[in-house]
Amino acid sequence: MTSSFRMSKELQRELSAAAERAGKPKNAIIVDALAQYLRAMERQSLAAEARRQSELVSRHEHDGGWYGLADTSGWN
């Protein structure tokens, strides 16, 4: 699939230089960078959900039935 986007001239220069140093096409660098970014965003999302679940449980830790407090409604 083809996508189009705008970037500054400075970013274009940096991309060209990085591609030349790495011996890779600019497209490969862009795709790799986007994939890394999306993985990082997924990790952040999972970490935020883990914090939310942990806080939920810790608020009700004194309750005997804390195990059932986990919100699994968004799980697949």
PDB file of N, CA and C in Angstrom:
ATOM      1  N   MET A   1       0.844  -1.164   0.000  1.00  0.00           N
ATOM      2  CA  MET A   1       0.000   0.000   0.000  1.00  0.00           C
ATOM      3  C   MET A   1       0.897   1.237   0.000  1.00  0.00           C
ATOM      4  N   THR A   2       0.463   2.255  -0.659  1.00  0.00           N
ATOM      5  CA  THR A   2       1.210   3.505  -0.750  1.00  0.00           C
ATOM      6  C   THR A   2       0.537   4.565   0.101  1.00  0.00           C
ATOM      7  N   SER A   3       1.345   5.329   0.813  1.00  0.00           N
ATOM      8  CA  SER A   3       0.846   6.446   1.608  1.00  0.00           C
ATOM      9  C   SER A   3       1.652   7.682   1.243  1.00  0.00           C
ATOM     10  N   SER A   4       1.072   8.816   1.520  1.00  0.00           N
ATOM     11  CA  SER A   4       1.741  10.074   1.235  1.00  0.00           C
ATOM     12  C   SER A   4       1.703  10.929   2.486  1.00  0.00           C
ATOM     13  N   PHE A   5       2.788  11.636   2.770  1.00  0.00           N
ATOM     14  CA  PHE A   5       2.835  12.531   3.914  1.00  0.00           C
ATOM     15  C   PHE A   5       3.853  13.630   3.643  1.00  0.00           C
ATOM     16  N   ARG A   6       3.782  14.677   4.408  1.00  0.00           N
ATOM     17  CA  ARG A   6       4.710  15.799   4.265  1.00  0.00           C
ATOM     18  C   ARG A   6       5.722  15.758   5.404  1.00  0.00           C
ATOM     19  N   MET A   7       6.943  16.189   5.088  1.00  0.00           N
ATOM     20  CA  MET A   7       7.970  16.333   6.111  1.00  0.00           C
ATOM     21  C   MET A   7       8.791  17.571   5.806  1.00  0.00           C
ATOM     22  N   SER A   8       9.421  18.080   6.829  1.00  0.00           N
ATOM     23  CA  SER A   8      10.243  19.274   6.650  1.00  0.00           C
ATOM     24  C   SER A   8      11.473  18.934   5.800  1.00  0.00           C
ATOM     25  N   LYS A   9      12.068  19.967   5.230  1.00  0.00           N
ATOM     26  CA  LYS A   9      13.282  19.760   4.425  1.00  0.00           C
ATOM     27  C   LYS A   9      14.403  19.206   5.294  1.00  0.00           C
ATOM     28  N   GLU A  10      14.473  19.667   6.545  1.00  0.00           N
ATOM     29  CA  GLU A  10      15.506  19.174   7.459  1.00  0.00           C
ATOM     30  C   GLU A  10      15.329  17.679   7.724  1.00  0.00           C
ATOM     31  N   LEU A  11      14.094  17.263   7.972  1.00  0.00           N
ATOM     32  CA  LEU A  11      13.832  15.845   8.201  1.00  0.00           C
ATOM     33  C   LEU A  11      14.141  15.038   6.947  1.00  0.00           C
ATOM     34  N   GLN A  12      13.822  15.574   5.802  1.00  0.00           N
ATOM     35  CA  GLN A  12      14.131  14.908   4.528  1.00  0.00           C
ATOM     36  C   GLN A  12      15.642  14.726   4.379  1.00  0.00           C
ATOM     37  N   ARG A  13      16.407  15.764   4.724  1.00  0.00           N
ATOM     38  CA  ARG A  13      17.879  15.659   4.655  1.00  0.00           C
ATOM     39  C   ARG A  13      18.395  14.588   5.609  1.00  0.00           C
ATOM     40  N   GLU A  14      17.849  14.587   6.841  1.00  0.00           N
ATOM     41  CA  GLU A  14      18.269  13.586   7.827  1.00  0.00           C
ATOM     42  C   GLU A  14      17.930  12.177   7.357  1.00  0.00           C
ATOM     43  N   LEU A  15      16.759  12.018   6.786  1.00  0.00           N
ATOM     44  CA  LEU A  15      16.345  10.710   6.277  1.00  0.00           C
ATOM     45  C   LEU A  15      17.266  10.256   5.153  1.00  0.00           C
ATOM     46  N   SER A  16      17.555  11.142   4.232  1.00  0.00           N
ATOM     47  CA  SER A  16      18.446  10.798   3.116  1.00  0.00           C
ATOM     48  C   SER A  16      19.826  10.400   3.620  1.00  0.00           C
ATOM     49  N   ALA A  17      20.347  11.161   4.578  1.00  0.00           N
ATOM     50  CA  ALA A  17      21.668  10.851   5.132  1.00  0.00           C
ATOM     51  C   ALA A  17      21.651   9.504   5.854  1.00  0.00           C
ATOM     52  N   ALA A  18      20.605   9.252   6.630  1.00  0.00           N
ATOM     53  CA  ALA A  18      20.500   7.984   7.355  1.00  0.00           C
ATOM     54  C   ALA A  18      20.394   6.818   6.385  1.00  0.00           C
ATOM     55  N   ALA A  19      19.627   6.987   5.328  1.00  0.00           N
ATOM     56  CA  ALA A  19      19.479   5.922   4.334  1.00  0.00           C
ATOM     57  C   ALA A  19      20.813   5.625   3.660  1.00  0.00           C
ATOM     58  N   GLU A  20      21.550   6.671   3.361  1.00  0.00           N
ATOM     59  CA  GLU A  20      22.858   6.474   2.725  1.00  0.00           C
ATOM     60  C   GLU A  20      23.822   5.761   3.676  1.00  0.00           C
ATOM     61  N   ARG A  21      23.854   6.189   4.925  1.00  0.00           N
ATOM     62  CA  ARG A  21      24.747   5.549   5.904  1.00  0.00           C
ATOM     63  C   ARG A  21      24.395   4.083   6.103  1.00  0.00           C
ATOM     64  N   ALA A  22      23.089   3.785   6.156  1.00  0.00           N
ATOM     65  CA  ALA A  22      22.635   2.421   6.418  1.00  0.00           C
ATOM     66  C   ALA A  22      22.629   1.558   5.161  1.00  0.00           C
ATOM     67  N   GLY A  23      22.719   2.187   4.024  1.00  0.00           N
ATOM     68  CA  GLY A  23      22.648   1.432   2.777  1.00  0.00           C
ATOM     69  C   GLY A  23      21.266   0.849   2.553  1.00  0.00           C
ATOM     70  N   LYS A  24      20.262   1.573   3.021  1.00  0.00           N
ATOM     71  CA  LYS A  24      18.870   1.122   2.910  1.00  0.00           C
ATOM     72  C   LYS A  24      18.068   2.163   2.147  1.00  0.00           C
ATOM     73  N   PRO A  25      16.997   1.738   1.520  1.00  0.00           N
ATOM     74  CA  PRO A  25      16.103   2.723   0.910  1.00  0.00           C
ATOM     75  C   PRO A  25      15.404   3.555   1.995  1.00  0.00           C
ATOM     76  N   LYS A  26      15.085   4.786   1.673  1.00  0.00           N
ATOM     77  CA  LYS A  26      14.385   5.652   2.623  1.00  0.00           C
ATOM     78  C   LYS A  26      13.077   5.012   3.066  1.00  0.00           C
ATOM     79  N   ASN A  27      12.394   4.361   2.155  1.00  0.00           N
ATOM     80  CA  ASN A  27      11.124   3.710   2.493  1.00  0.00           C
ATOM     81  C   ASN A  27      11.312   2.681   3.610  1.00  0.00           C
ATOM     82  N   ALA A  28      12.386   1.905   3.541  1.00  0.00           N
ATOM     83  CA  ALA A  28      12.629   0.888   4.570  1.00  0.00           C
ATOM     84  C   ALA A  28      12.833   1.533   5.932  1.00  0.00           C
ATOM     85  N   ILE A  29      13.536   2.657   5.960  1.00  0.00           N
ATOM     86  CA  ILE A  29      13.762   3.352   7.227  1.00  0.00           C
ATOM     87  C   ILE A  29      12.445   3.892   7.781  1.00  0.00           C
ATOM     88  N   ILE A  30      11.621   4.452   6.923  1.00  0.00           N
ATOM     89  CA  ILE A  30      10.331   4.992   7.356  1.00  0.00           C
ATOM     90  C   ILE A  30       9.438   3.878   7.892  1.00  0.00           C
ATOM     91  N   VAL A  31       9.371   2.769   7.176  1.00  0.00           N
ATOM     92  CA  VAL A  31       8.523   1.652   7.612  1.00  0.00           C
ATOM     93  C   VAL A  31       9.024   1.087   8.945  1.00  0.00           C
ATOM     94  N   ASP A  32      10.358   0.916   9.078  1.00  0.00           N
ATOM     95  CA  ASP A  32      10.920   0.416  10.339  1.00  0.00           C
ATOM     96  C   ASP A  32      10.612   1.368  11.494  1.00  0.00           C
ATOM     97  N   ALA A  33      10.782   2.664  11.260  1.00  0.00           N
ATOM     98  CA  ALA A  33      10.530   3.655  12.311  1.00  0.00           C
ATOM     99  C   ALA A  33       9.065   3.653  12.721  1.00  0.00           C
ATOM    100  N   LEU A  34       8.172   3.556  11.755  1.00  0.00           N
ATOM    101  CA  LEU A  34       6.742   3.532  12.063  1.00  0.00           C
ATOM    102  C   LEU A  34       6.376   2.276  12.850  1.00  0.00           C
ATOM    103  N   ALA A  35       6.928   1.142  12.461  1.00  0.00           N
ATOM    104  CA  ALA A  35       6.651  -0.113  13.181  1.00  0.00           C
ATOM    105  C   ALA A  35       7.146  -0.018  14.626  1.00  0.00           C
ATOM    106  N   GLN A  36       8.346   0.533  14.832  1.00  0.00           N
ATOM    107  CA  GLN A  36       8.874   0.690  16.190  1.00  0.00           C
ATOM    108  C   GLN A  36       7.996   1.628  17.010  1.00  0.00           C
ATOM    109  N   TYR A  37       7.548   2.704  16.399  1.00  0.00           N
ATOM    110  CA  TYR A  37       6.684   3.667  17.080  1.00  0.00           C
ATOM    111  C   TYR A  37       5.372   3.006  17.504  1.00  0.00           C
ATOM    112  N   LEU A  38       4.768   2.259  16.606  1.00  0.00           N
ATOM    113  CA  LEU A  38       3.494   1.609  16.925  1.00  0.00           C
ATOM    114  C   LEU A  38       3.653   0.561  18.016  1.00  0.00           C
ATOM    115  N   ARG A  39       4.758  -0.177  18.014  1.00  0.00           N
ATOM    116  CA  ARG A  39       5.018  -1.144  19.095  1.00  0.00           C
ATOM    117  C   ARG A  39       5.175  -0.431  20.432  1.00  0.00           C
ATOM    118  N   ALA A  40       5.879   0.698  20.416  1.00  0.00           N
ATOM    119  CA  ALA A  40       6.066   1.469  21.654  1.00  0.00           C
ATOM    120  C   ALA A  40       4.731   1.991  22.166  1.00  0.00           C
ATOM    121  N   MET A  41       3.877   2.449  21.260  1.00  0.00           N
ATOM    122  CA  MET A  41       2.562   2.932  21.656  1.00  0.00           C
ATOM    123  C   MET A  41       1.732   1.799  22.265  1.00  0.00           C
ATOM    124  N   GLU A  42       1.831   0.603  21.695  1.00  0.00           N
ATOM    125  CA  GLU A  42       1.106  -0.552  22.230  1.00  0.00           C
ATOM    126  C   GLU A  42       1.611  -0.896  23.626  1.00  0.00           C
ATOM    127  N   ARG A  43       2.941  -0.858  23.818  1.00  0.00           N
ATOM    128  CA  ARG A  43       3.507  -1.131  25.143  1.00  0.00           C
ATOM    129  C   ARG A  43       3.027  -0.101  26.153  1.00  0.00           C
ATOM    130  N   GLN A  44       2.975   1.164  25.752  1.00  0.00           N
ATOM    131  CA  GLN A  44       2.495   2.214  26.657  1.00  0.00           C
ATOM    132  C   GLN A  44       1.037   1.986  27.022  1.00  0.00           C
ATOM    133  N   SER A  45       0.245   1.582  26.049  1.00  0.00           N
ATOM    134  CA  SER A  45      -1.166   1.310  26.298  1.00  0.00           C
ATOM    135  C   SER A  45      -1.331   0.141  27.264  1.00  0.00           C
ATOM    136  N   LEU A  46      -0.550  -0.916  27.056  1.00  0.00           N
ATOM    137  CA  LEU A  46      -0.619  -2.068  27.948  1.00  0.00           C
ATOM    138  C   LEU A  46      -0.152  -1.705  29.355  1.00  0.00           C
ATOM    139  N   ALA A  47       0.896  -0.889  29.444  1.00  0.00           N
ATOM    140  CA  ALA A  47       1.401  -0.468  30.750  1.00  0.00           C
ATOM    141  C   ALA A  47       0.362   0.376  31.478  1.00  0.00           C
ATOM    142  N   ALA A  48      -0.314   1.261  30.751  1.00  0.00           N
ATOM    143  CA  ALA A  48      -1.352   2.097  31.369  1.00  0.00           C
ATOM    144  C   ALA A  48      -2.494   1.228  31.883  1.00  0.00           C
ATOM    145  N   GLU A  49      -2.879   0.227  31.116  1.00  0.00           N
ATOM    146  CA  GLU A  49      -3.953  -0.671  31.556  1.00  0.00           C
ATOM    147  C   GLU A  49      -3.506  -1.478  32.774  1.00  0.00           C
ATOM    148  N   ALA A  50      -2.263  -1.921  32.790  1.00  0.00           N
ATOM    149  CA  ALA A  50      -1.756  -2.661  33.946  1.00  0.00           C
ATOM    150  C   ALA A  50      -1.769  -1.781  35.190  1.00  0.00           C
ATOM    151  N   ARG A  51      -1.365  -0.504  35.037  1.00  0.00           N
ATOM    152  CA  ARG A  51      -1.415   0.424  36.176  1.00  0.00           C
ATOM    153  C   ARG A  51      -2.850   0.611  36.658  1.00  0.00           C
ATOM    154  N   ARG A  52      -3.774   0.776  35.714  1.00  0.00           N
ATOM    155  CA  ARG A  52      -5.176   0.973  36.075  1.00  0.00           C
ATOM    156  C   ARG A  52      -5.711  -0.230  36.842  1.00  0.00           C
ATOM    157  N   GLN A  53      -5.395  -1.431  36.339  1.00  0.00           N
ATOM    158  CA  GLN A  53      -5.848  -2.659  37.009  1.00  0.00           C
ATOM    159  C   GLN A  53      -5.227  -2.768  38.400  1.00  0.00           C
ATOM    160  N   SER A  54      -3.943  -2.447  38.505  1.00  0.00           N
ATOM    161  CA  SER A  54      -3.250  -2.537  39.784  1.00  0.00           C
ATOM    162  C   SER A  54      -3.848  -1.564  40.796  1.00  0.00           C
ATOM    163  N   GLU A  55      -4.136  -0.337  40.337  1.00  0.00           N
ATOM    164  CA  GLU A  55      -4.739   0.642  41.235  1.00  0.00           C
ATOM    165  C   GLU A  55      -6.129   0.206  41.675  1.00  0.00           C
ATOM    166  N   LEU A  56      -6.885  -0.379  40.771  1.00  0.00           N
ATOM    167  CA  LEU A  56      -8.222  -0.861  41.102  1.00  0.00           C
ATOM    168  C   LEU A  56      -8.146  -1.930  42.186  1.00  0.00           C
ATOM    169  N   VAL A  57      -7.237  -2.857  42.020  1.00  0.00           N
ATOM    170  CA  VAL A  57      -7.094  -3.938  42.996  1.00  0.00           C
ATOM    171  C   VAL A  57      -6.563  -3.396  44.322  1.00  0.00           C
ATOM    172  N   SER A  58      -5.581  -2.489  44.265  1.00  0.00           N
ATOM    173  CA  SER A  58      -4.998  -1.987  45.512  1.00  0.00           C
ATOM    174  C   SER A  58      -6.005  -1.173  46.323  1.00  0.00           C
ATOM    175  N   ARG A  59      -6.932  -0.512  45.646  1.00  0.00           N
ATOM    176  CA  ARG A  59      -7.966   0.237  46.376  1.00  0.00           C
ATOM    177  C   ARG A  59      -8.900  -0.707  47.137  1.00  0.00           C
ATOM    178  N   HIS A  60      -9.036  -1.941  46.664  1.00  0.00           N
ATOM    179  CA  HIS A  60      -9.954  -2.897  47.281  1.00  0.00           C
ATOM    180  C   HIS A  60      -9.206  -4.092  47.871  1.00  0.00           C
ATOM    181  N   GLU A  61      -7.934  -3.891  48.169  1.00  0.00           N
ATOM    182  CA  GLU A  61      -7.104  -4.988  48.662  1.00  0.00           C
ATOM    183  C   GLU A  61      -7.630  -5.577  49.970  1.00  0.00           C
ATOM    184  N   HIS A  62      -8.248  -4.746  50.784  1.00  0.00           N
ATOM    185  CA  HIS A  62      -8.767  -5.231  52.061  1.00  0.00           C
ATOM    186  C   HIS A  62     -10.000  -6.117  51.885  1.00  0.00           C
ATOM    187  N   ASP A  63     -10.633  -6.029  50.725  1.00  0.00           N
ATOM    188  CA  ASP A  63     -11.797  -6.880  50.443  1.00  0.00           C
ATOM    189  C   ASP A  63     -11.331  -8.294  50.138  1.00  0.00           C
ATOM    190  N   GLY A  64     -12.082  -9.260  50.570  1.00  0.00           N
ATOM    191  CA  GLY A  64     -11.724 -10.639  50.286  1.00  0.00           C
ATOM    192  C   GLY A  64     -11.909 -11.016  48.823  1.00  0.00           C
ATOM    193  N   GLY A  65     -12.801 -10.328  48.119  1.00  0.00           N
ATOM    194  CA  GLY A  65     -13.099 -10.698  46.742  1.00  0.00           C
ATOM    195  C   GLY A  65     -12.405  -9.830  45.710  1.00  0.00           C
ATOM    196  N   TRP A  66     -11.192  -9.369  45.996  1.00  0.00           N
ATOM    197  CA  TRP A  66     -10.483  -8.480  45.067  1.00  0.00           C
ATOM    198  C   TRP A  66     -10.168  -9.139  43.739  1.00  0.00           C
ATOM    199  N   TYR A  67     -10.059 -10.451  43.724  1.00  0.00           N
ATOM    200  CA  TYR A  67      -9.699 -11.157  42.493  1.00  0.00           C
ATOM    201  C   TYR A  67     -10.699 -10.883  41.375  1.00  0.00           C
ATOM    202  N   GLY A  68     -11.956 -10.745  41.713  1.00  0.00           N
ATOM    203  CA  GLY A  68     -12.979 -10.518  40.703  1.00  0.00           C
ATOM    204  C   GLY A  68     -13.088  -9.069  40.246  1.00  0.00           C
ATOM    205  N   LEU A  69     -12.250  -8.175  40.750  1.00  0.00           N
ATOM    206  CA  LEU A  69     -12.345  -6.771  40.400  1.00  0.00           C
ATOM    207  C   LEU A  69     -11.723  -6.433  39.055  1.00  0.00           C
ATOM    208  N   ALA A  70     -10.915  -7.303  38.510  1.00  0.00           N
ATOM    209  CA  ALA A  70     -10.245  -6.999  37.242  1.00  0.00           C
ATOM    210  C   ALA A  70     -11.285  -6.743  36.159  1.00  0.00           C
ATOM    211  N   ASP A  71     -11.087  -5.650  35.453  1.00  0.00           N
ATOM    212  CA  ASP A  71     -11.988  -5.291  34.353  1.00  0.00           C
ATOM    213  C   ASP A  71     -11.463  -5.935  33.076  1.00  0.00           C
ATOM    214  N   THR A  72     -12.074  -6.999  32.662  1.00  0.00           N
ATOM    215  CA  THR A  72     -11.624  -7.713  31.461  1.00  0.00           C
ATOM    216  C   THR A  72     -12.533  -7.429  30.265  1.00  0.00           C
ATOM    217  N   SER A  73     -13.359  -6.391  30.362  1.00  0.00           N
ATOM    218  CA  SER A  73     -14.327  -6.134  29.307  1.00  0.00           C
ATOM    219  C   SER A  73     -13.674  -5.826  27.960  1.00  0.00           C
ATOM    220  N   GLY A  74     -12.446  -5.258  27.966  1.00  0.00           N
ATOM    221  CA  GLY A  74     -11.791  -4.925  26.697  1.00  0.00           C
ATOM    222  C   GLY A  74     -10.881  -6.011  26.182  1.00  0.00           C
ATOM    223  N   TRP A  75     -10.809  -7.125  26.871  1.00  0.00           N
ATOM    224  CA  TRP A  75      -9.912  -8.212  26.455  1.00  0.00           C
ATOM    225  C   TRP A  75     -10.525  -9.004  25.324  1.00  0.00           C
ATOM    226  N   ASN A  76      -9.684  -9.467  24.443  1.00  0.00           N
ATOM    227  CA  ASN A  76     -10.149 -10.323  23.336  1.00  0.00           C
ATOM    228  C   ASN A  76      -9.940 -11.768  23.676  1.00  0.00           C
TER     229      ASN A  76
END
